[in-house]
Amino acid sequence: MTEEKLDANTYFNRGNYYLNRKEYEKAIADFNKAIELDPNYKFHIFQENTEANTT
């Protein structure tokens, strides 16, 4: 899969993968790309990470 074909959801999911592996720079880069492609991902990223940190 080439980078040009990735959509916001793919970047979001990969960002979560990197976050779980504590690869924070990669996670942030993918979350930023998801937001760039779809600004609505700001909410999803915040919500997902808030829920993960409260359980």
N, C-alpha and C. Protein backbone atom coordinates (compact mmCIF):
# COMPACT_ATOMS: atom_id res chain seq x y z
N MET A 1 0.86 -1.17 0.00
CA MET A 1 0.00 0.00 0.00
C MET A 1 0.90 1.24 0.00
N THR A 2 0.62 2.16 -0.87
CA THR A 2 1.43 3.37 -0.92
C THR A 2 0.82 4.45 -0.05
N GLU A 3 1.64 5.37 0.40
CA GLU A 3 1.18 6.45 1.27
C GLU A 3 0.07 7.27 0.63
N GLU A 4 0.11 7.47 -0.68
CA GLU A 4 -0.89 8.29 -1.35
C GLU A 4 -2.30 7.70 -1.24
N LYS A 5 -2.40 6.41 -1.04
CA LYS A 5 -3.71 5.76 -1.03
C LYS A 5 -4.30 5.62 0.37
N LEU A 6 -3.56 6.02 1.40
CA LEU A 6 -4.07 5.90 2.76
C LEU A 6 -5.10 7.00 3.02
N ASP A 7 -6.17 6.63 3.72
CA ASP A 7 -7.19 7.62 4.07
C ASP A 7 -7.06 7.96 5.55
N ALA A 8 -7.87 8.90 6.00
CA ALA A 8 -7.80 9.38 7.38
C ALA A 8 -7.99 8.24 8.37
N ASN A 9 -8.92 7.35 8.10
CA ASN A 9 -9.17 6.23 9.01
C ASN A 9 -7.96 5.33 9.14
N THR A 10 -7.27 5.09 8.05
CA THR A 10 -6.07 4.25 8.09
C THR A 10 -4.98 4.91 8.92
N TYR A 11 -4.78 6.21 8.73
CA TYR A 11 -3.79 6.92 9.54
C TYR A 11 -4.18 6.90 11.02
N PHE A 12 -5.45 7.08 11.29
CA PHE A 12 -5.94 7.05 12.68
C PHE A 12 -5.65 5.68 13.32
N ASN A 13 -5.98 4.62 12.62
CA ASN A 13 -5.76 3.27 13.16
C ASN A 13 -4.27 2.98 13.34
N ARG A 14 -3.47 3.39 12.37
CA ARG A 14 -2.03 3.17 12.49
C ARG A 14 -1.46 4.02 13.62
N GLY A 15 -1.99 5.22 13.80
CA GLY A 15 -1.58 6.06 14.92
C GLY A 15 -1.84 5.38 16.24
N ASN A 16 -2.99 4.75 16.37
CA ASN A 16 -3.31 4.01 17.60
C ASN A 16 -2.36 2.83 17.80
N TYR A 17 -2.01 2.17 16.72
CA TYR A 17 -1.05 1.07 16.80
C TYR A 17 0.28 1.59 17.35
N TYR A 18 0.77 2.69 16.78
CA TYR A 18 2.04 3.25 17.25
C TYR A 18 1.92 3.72 18.70
N LEU A 19 0.80 4.31 19.04
CA LEU A 19 0.59 4.78 20.41
C LEU A 19 0.68 3.62 21.40
N ASN A 20 0.04 2.52 21.08
CA ASN A 20 0.08 1.34 21.95
C ASN A 20 1.49 0.76 22.08
N ARG A 21 2.31 0.97 21.06
CA ARG A 21 3.70 0.49 21.10
C ARG A 21 4.65 1.54 21.68
N LYS A 22 4.07 2.66 22.14
CA LYS A 22 4.84 3.77 22.73
C LYS A 22 5.79 4.39 21.73
N GLU A 23 5.42 4.34 20.46
CA GLU A 23 6.18 5.01 19.40
C GLU A 23 5.47 6.35 19.15
N TYR A 24 5.66 7.27 20.10
CA TYR A 24 4.86 8.49 20.15
C TYR A 24 5.06 9.41 18.95
N GLU A 25 6.27 9.55 18.47
CA GLU A 25 6.49 10.44 17.33
C GLU A 25 5.76 9.93 16.09
N LYS A 26 5.79 8.63 15.86
CA LYS A 26 5.07 8.06 14.72
C LYS A 26 3.57 8.21 14.90
N ALA A 27 3.09 8.00 16.14
CA ALA A 27 1.66 8.13 16.42
C ALA A 27 1.19 9.55 16.14
N ILE A 28 1.93 10.52 16.63
CA ILE A 28 1.57 11.93 16.43
C ILE A 28 1.56 12.27 14.95
N ALA A 29 2.55 11.79 14.22
CA ALA A 29 2.61 12.06 12.78
C ALA A 29 1.38 11.51 12.07
N ASP A 30 0.97 10.29 12.43
CA ASP A 30 -0.20 9.69 11.78
C ASP A 30 -1.49 10.39 12.21
N PHE A 31 -1.61 10.75 13.48
CA PHE A 31 -2.80 11.49 13.92
C PHE A 31 -2.89 12.83 13.20
N ASN A 32 -1.76 13.51 13.06
CA ASN A 32 -1.76 14.79 12.34
C ASN A 32 -2.17 14.61 10.88
N LYS A 33 -1.72 13.54 10.25
CA LYS A 33 -2.09 13.27 8.85
C LYS A 33 -3.58 12.97 8.75
N ALA A 34 -4.12 12.21 9.71
CA ALA A 34 -5.56 11.92 9.71
C ALA A 34 -6.35 13.22 9.81
N ILE A 35 -5.91 14.13 10.68
CA ILE A 35 -6.60 15.41 10.83
C ILE A 35 -6.46 16.25 9.57
N GLU A 36 -5.31 16.22 8.95
CA GLU A 36 -5.09 16.95 7.70
C GLU A 36 -6.06 16.48 6.62
N LEU A 37 -6.24 15.17 6.52
CA LEU A 37 -7.12 14.60 5.50
C LEU A 37 -8.60 14.78 5.84
N ASP A 38 -8.92 14.74 7.14
CA ASP A 38 -10.31 14.88 7.59
C ASP A 38 -10.32 15.57 8.94
N PRO A 39 -10.58 16.88 8.97
CA PRO A 39 -10.55 17.62 10.23
C PRO A 39 -11.46 17.06 11.31
N ASN A 40 -12.45 16.28 10.97
CA ASN A 40 -13.32 15.67 11.98
C ASN A 40 -12.58 14.65 12.84
N TYR A 41 -11.42 14.22 12.42
CA TYR A 41 -10.66 13.25 13.20
C TYR A 41 -10.10 13.85 14.48
N LYS A 42 -10.09 15.17 14.61
CA LYS A 42 -9.67 15.78 15.87
C LYS A 42 -10.53 15.23 17.00
N PHE A 43 -11.82 15.16 16.79
CA PHE A 43 -12.74 14.65 17.81
C PHE A 43 -12.49 13.18 18.08
N HIS A 44 -12.34 12.39 17.05
CA HIS A 44 -12.14 10.95 17.22
C HIS A 44 -10.86 10.66 17.99
N ILE A 45 -9.80 11.36 17.65
CA ILE A 45 -8.52 11.13 18.32
C ILE A 45 -8.62 11.51 19.79
N PHE A 46 -9.22 12.65 20.08
CA PHE A 46 -9.38 13.08 21.46
C PHE A 46 -10.23 12.08 22.24
N GLN A 47 -11.36 11.70 21.66
CA GLN A 47 -12.28 10.78 22.35
C GLN A 47 -11.62 9.43 22.60
N GLU A 48 -10.99 8.88 21.60
CA GLU A 48 -10.35 7.56 21.71
C GLU A 48 -9.27 7.57 22.80
N ASN A 49 -8.45 8.57 22.80
CA ASN A 49 -7.35 8.61 23.76
C ASN A 49 -7.82 8.97 25.15
N THR A 50 -8.88 9.75 25.27
CA THR A 50 -9.44 10.05 26.58
C THR A 50 -10.02 8.78 27.19
N GLU A 51 -10.75 8.01 26.41
CA GLU A 51 -11.33 6.77 26.91
C GLU A 51 -10.25 5.78 27.30
N ALA A 52 -9.18 5.70 26.52
CA ALA A 52 -8.10 4.76 26.81
C ALA A 52 -7.38 5.12 28.10
N ASN A 53 -7.30 6.39 28.40
CA ASN A 53 -6.58 6.81 29.60
C ASN A 53 -7.43 6.80 30.85
N THR A 54 -8.73 6.58 30.72
CA THR A 54 -9.60 6.57 31.89
C THR A 54 -10.05 5.17 32.28
N THR A 55 -9.59 4.17 31.55
CA THR A 55 -9.97 2.79 31.89
C THR A 55 -8.83 2.05 32.53
